[in-house]
């Protein structure tokens, strides 16, 4: 089971194993408050893709395609995440973006759930 949650929303036991999927640590959030179990910077969009997208909903479809292409080149990290998910059973992908409908965690969840 994979859930999604903003980093600024308080952690709960129901989150299970919390994985931060951002390249940068969420601004103003302490490690203690975030309660992150694993930080996988390598699975986040590249700096150039992140800056290009800038969470512009008009670029959402193109962003998804570009990010999936980056993930296909990063198979080792994606496979490691799949192993963690199988081991932990309940995982929450944690992200900092304000936009909960247009962010990399949504795309990553979709990729991780595909067989």
C-alpha atoms as a PDB file:
ATOM      1  CA  UNK A   1       0.000   0.000   0.000  1.00  0.00           C
ATOM      2  CA  UNK A   2       1.408   3.369  -1.052  1.00  0.00           C
ATOM      3  CA  UNK A   3       0.034   6.610   0.316  1.00  0.00           C
ATOM      4  CA  UNK A   4       0.989  10.220  -0.416  1.00  0.00           C
ATOM      5  CA  UNK A   5       1.380  13.028   2.103  1.00  0.00           C
ATOM      6  CA  UNK A   6       2.761  16.531   2.245  1.00  0.00           C
ATOM      7  CA  UNK A   7       5.825  16.867   4.430  1.00  0.00           C
ATOM      8  CA  UNK A   8       4.168  19.678   6.392  1.00  0.00           C
ATOM      9  CA  UNK A   9       1.221  17.520   7.485  1.00  0.00           C
ATOM     10  CA  UNK A  10       1.843  15.884  10.852  1.00  0.00           C
ATOM     11  CA  UNK A  11       3.036  12.273  10.696  1.00  0.00           C
ATOM     12  CA  UNK A  12       0.653   9.584  11.936  1.00  0.00           C
ATOM     13  CA  UNK A  13       1.108   5.919  12.793  1.00  0.00           C
ATOM     14  CA  UNK A  14      -1.124   5.082   9.831  1.00  0.00           C
ATOM     15  CA  UNK A  15       1.582   6.511   7.524  1.00  0.00           C
ATOM     16  CA  UNK A  16       3.708   3.420   8.049  1.00  0.00           C
ATOM     17  CA  UNK A  17       7.215   3.744   6.593  1.00  0.00           C
ATOM     18  CA  UNK A  18       7.763   7.372   5.497  1.00  0.00           C
ATOM     19  CA  UNK A  19       9.918   8.026   2.428  1.00  0.00           C
ATOM     20  CA  UNK A  20      10.876  11.563   1.404  1.00  0.00           C
ATOM     21  CA  UNK A  21      10.950  11.714  -2.402  1.00  0.00           C
ATOM     22  CA  UNK A  22      12.204  15.291  -2.860  1.00  0.00           C
ATOM     23  CA  UNK A  23      15.700  16.252  -3.967  1.00  0.00           C
ATOM     24  CA  UNK A  24      15.794  19.060  -1.387  1.00  0.00           C
ATOM     25  CA  UNK A  25      14.878  18.824   2.289  1.00  0.00           C
ATOM     26  CA  UNK A  26      11.539  20.602   2.964  1.00  0.00           C
ATOM     27  CA  UNK A  27      12.210  24.186   3.965  1.00  0.00           C
ATOM     28  CA  UNK A  28      11.735  24.964   7.652  1.00  0.00           C
ATOM     29  CA  UNK A  29      10.980  21.375   8.665  1.00  0.00           C
ATOM     30  CA  UNK A  30      13.114  19.689  11.297  1.00  0.00           C
ATOM     31  CA  UNK A  31      14.157  16.083  10.877  1.00  0.00           C
ATOM     32  CA  UNK A  32      12.537  15.250  14.203  1.00  0.00           C
ATOM     33  CA  UNK A  33       9.181  16.735  13.193  1.00  0.00           C
ATOM     34  CA  UNK A  34       9.281  15.168   9.699  1.00  0.00           C
ATOM     35  CA  UNK A  35       9.862  11.639  11.042  1.00  0.00           C
ATOM     36  CA  UNK A  36      11.302  10.458   7.732  1.00  0.00           C
ATOM     37  CA  UNK A  37      12.460   6.825   7.678  1.00  0.00           C
ATOM     38  CA  UNK A  38      14.206   7.030   4.310  1.00  0.00           C
ATOM     39  CA  UNK A  39      15.198   9.944   2.068  1.00  0.00           C
ATOM     40  CA  UNK A  40      15.637   8.938  -1.571  1.00  0.00           C
ATOM     41  CA  UNK A  41      16.933  12.077  -3.331  1.00  0.00           C
ATOM     42  CA  UNK A  42      17.953  10.071  -6.395  1.00  0.00           C
ATOM     43  CA  UNK A  43      14.345   9.293  -7.317  1.00  0.00           C
ATOM     44  CA  UNK A  44      13.271  12.945  -7.386  1.00  0.00           C
ATOM     45  CA  UNK A  45      13.048  14.841 -10.676  1.00  0.00           C
ATOM     46  CA  UNK A  46      16.324  16.332 -11.863  1.00  0.00           C
ATOM     47  CA  UNK A  47      16.988  19.952 -10.922  1.00  0.00           C
ATOM     48  CA  UNK A  48      16.442  21.054 -14.508  1.00  0.00           C
ATOM     49  CA  UNK A  49      13.094  19.237 -14.770  1.00  0.00           C
ATOM     50  CA  UNK A  50      11.961  20.492 -11.370  1.00  0.00           C
ATOM     51  CA  UNK A  51      12.806  24.101 -12.268  1.00  0.00           C
ATOM     52  CA  UNK A  52      11.215  23.805 -15.714  1.00  0.00           C
ATOM     53  CA  UNK A  53       7.972  22.372 -14.296  1.00  0.00           C
ATOM     54  CA  UNK A  54       7.753  24.862 -11.418  1.00  0.00           C
ATOM     55  CA  UNK A  55       4.449  23.169 -10.443  1.00  0.00           C
ATOM     56  CA  UNK A  56       2.668  24.783 -13.379  1.00  0.00           C
ATOM     57  CA  UNK A  57      -0.514  22.733 -13.991  1.00  0.00           C
ATOM     58  CA  UNK A  58      -0.322  23.677 -17.681  1.00  0.00           C
ATOM     59  CA  UNK A  59       2.929  21.669 -17.903  1.00  0.00           C
ATOM     60  CA  UNK A  60       1.573  18.676 -15.943  1.00  0.00           C
ATOM     61  CA  UNK A  61       1.158  16.243 -18.854  1.00  0.00           C
ATOM     62  CA  UNK A  62       4.583  17.063 -20.290  1.00  0.00           C
ATOM     63  CA  UNK A  63       6.139  16.861 -16.812  1.00  0.00           C
ATOM     64  CA  UNK A  64       4.723  13.368 -16.279  1.00  0.00           C
ATOM     65  CA  UNK A  65       6.232  12.141 -19.547  1.00  0.00           C
ATOM     66  CA  UNK A  66       9.630  13.702 -18.833  1.00  0.00           C
ATOM     67  CA  UNK A  67       9.731  12.465 -15.251  1.00  0.00           C
ATOM     68  CA  UNK A  68       8.749   8.915 -16.258  1.00  0.00           C
ATOM     69  CA  UNK A  69      11.580   9.006 -18.809  1.00  0.00           C
ATOM     70  CA  UNK A  70      14.001   9.994 -16.037  1.00  0.00           C
ATOM     71  CA  UNK A  71      12.707   7.169 -13.842  1.00  0.00           C
ATOM     72  CA  UNK A  72      13.211   4.641 -16.665  1.00  0.00           C
ATOM     73  CA  UNK A  73      16.897   5.641 -16.672  1.00  0.00           C
ATOM     74  CA  UNK A  74      17.041   5.231 -12.896  1.00  0.00           C
ATOM     75  CA  UNK A  75      15.883   1.618 -12.691  1.00  0.00           C
ATOM     76  CA  UNK A  76      18.173   0.659  -9.810  1.00  0.00           C
ATOM     77  CA  UNK A  77      16.680   3.236  -7.432  1.00  0.00           C
ATOM     78  CA  UNK A  78      13.129   2.433  -8.541  1.00  0.00           C
ATOM     79  CA  UNK A  79      13.751  -1.277  -7.933  1.00  0.00           C
ATOM     80  CA  UNK A  80      15.205  -0.528  -4.491  1.00  0.00           C
ATOM     81  CA  UNK A  81      12.060   1.448  -3.637  1.00  0.00           C
ATOM     82  CA  UNK A  82       9.874  -1.442  -4.798  1.00  0.00           C
ATOM     83  CA  UNK A  83      11.806  -3.764  -2.472  1.00  0.00           C
ATOM     84  CA  UNK A  84      11.259  -1.388   0.448  1.00  0.00           C
ATOM     85  CA  UNK A  85       7.536  -1.218  -0.338  1.00  0.00           C
ATOM     86  CA  UNK A  86       7.241  -5.026  -0.447  1.00  0.00           C
ATOM     87  CA  UNK A  87       9.132  -5.301   2.840  1.00  0.00           C
ATOM     88  CA  UNK A  88       7.282  -2.537   4.708  1.00  0.00           C
ATOM     89  CA  UNK A  89       3.763  -3.230   3.358  1.00  0.00           C
ATOM     90  CA  UNK A  90       2.499   0.298   4.198  1.00  0.00           C
ATOM     91  CA  UNK A  91       4.519   3.207   2.811  1.00  0.00           C
ATOM     92  CA  UNK A  92       3.890   6.935   2.577  1.00  0.00           C
ATOM     93  CA  UNK A  93       5.696   8.925  -0.088  1.00  0.00           C
ATOM     94  CA  UNK A  94       6.353  12.312   1.453  1.00  0.00           C
ATOM     95  CA  UNK A  95       6.693  15.457  -0.676  1.00  0.00           C
ATOM     96  CA  UNK A  96       6.940  19.186   0.031  1.00  0.00           C
ATOM     97  CA  UNK A  97       4.986  20.620  -2.908  1.00  0.00           C
ATOM     98  CA  UNK A  98       1.958  22.754  -2.058  1.00  0.00           C
ATOM     99  CA  UNK A  99       0.073  21.412  -5.061  1.00  0.00           C
ATOM    100  CA  UNK A 100      -1.240  18.025  -4.001  1.00  0.00           C
ATOM    101  CA  UNK A 101      -2.592  17.228  -7.470  1.00  0.00           C
ATOM    102  CA  UNK A 102       0.453  18.048  -9.613  1.00  0.00           C
ATOM    103  CA  UNK A 103       3.682  16.743  -8.078  1.00  0.00           C
ATOM    104  CA  UNK A 104       6.311  14.071  -8.582  1.00  0.00           C
ATOM    105  CA  UNK A 105       5.010  11.835  -5.783  1.00  0.00           C
ATOM    106  CA  UNK A 106       1.832  11.168  -7.787  1.00  0.00           C
ATOM    107  CA  UNK A 107       3.840  10.082 -10.816  1.00  0.00           C
ATOM    108  CA  UNK A 108       6.268   8.053  -8.726  1.00  0.00           C
ATOM    109  CA  UNK A 109       3.417   6.225  -6.970  1.00  0.00           C
ATOM    110  CA  UNK A 110       1.949   5.308 -10.347  1.00  0.00           C
ATOM    111  CA  UNK A 111       5.322   4.019 -11.589  1.00  0.00           C
ATOM    112  CA  UNK A 112       5.973   2.030  -8.395  1.00  0.00           C
ATOM    113  CA  UNK A 113       2.579   0.354  -8.527  1.00  0.00           C
ATOM    114  CA  UNK A 114       2.994  -0.790 -12.134  1.00  0.00           C
ATOM    115  CA  UNK A 115       4.233  -4.330 -12.510  1.00  0.00           C
END
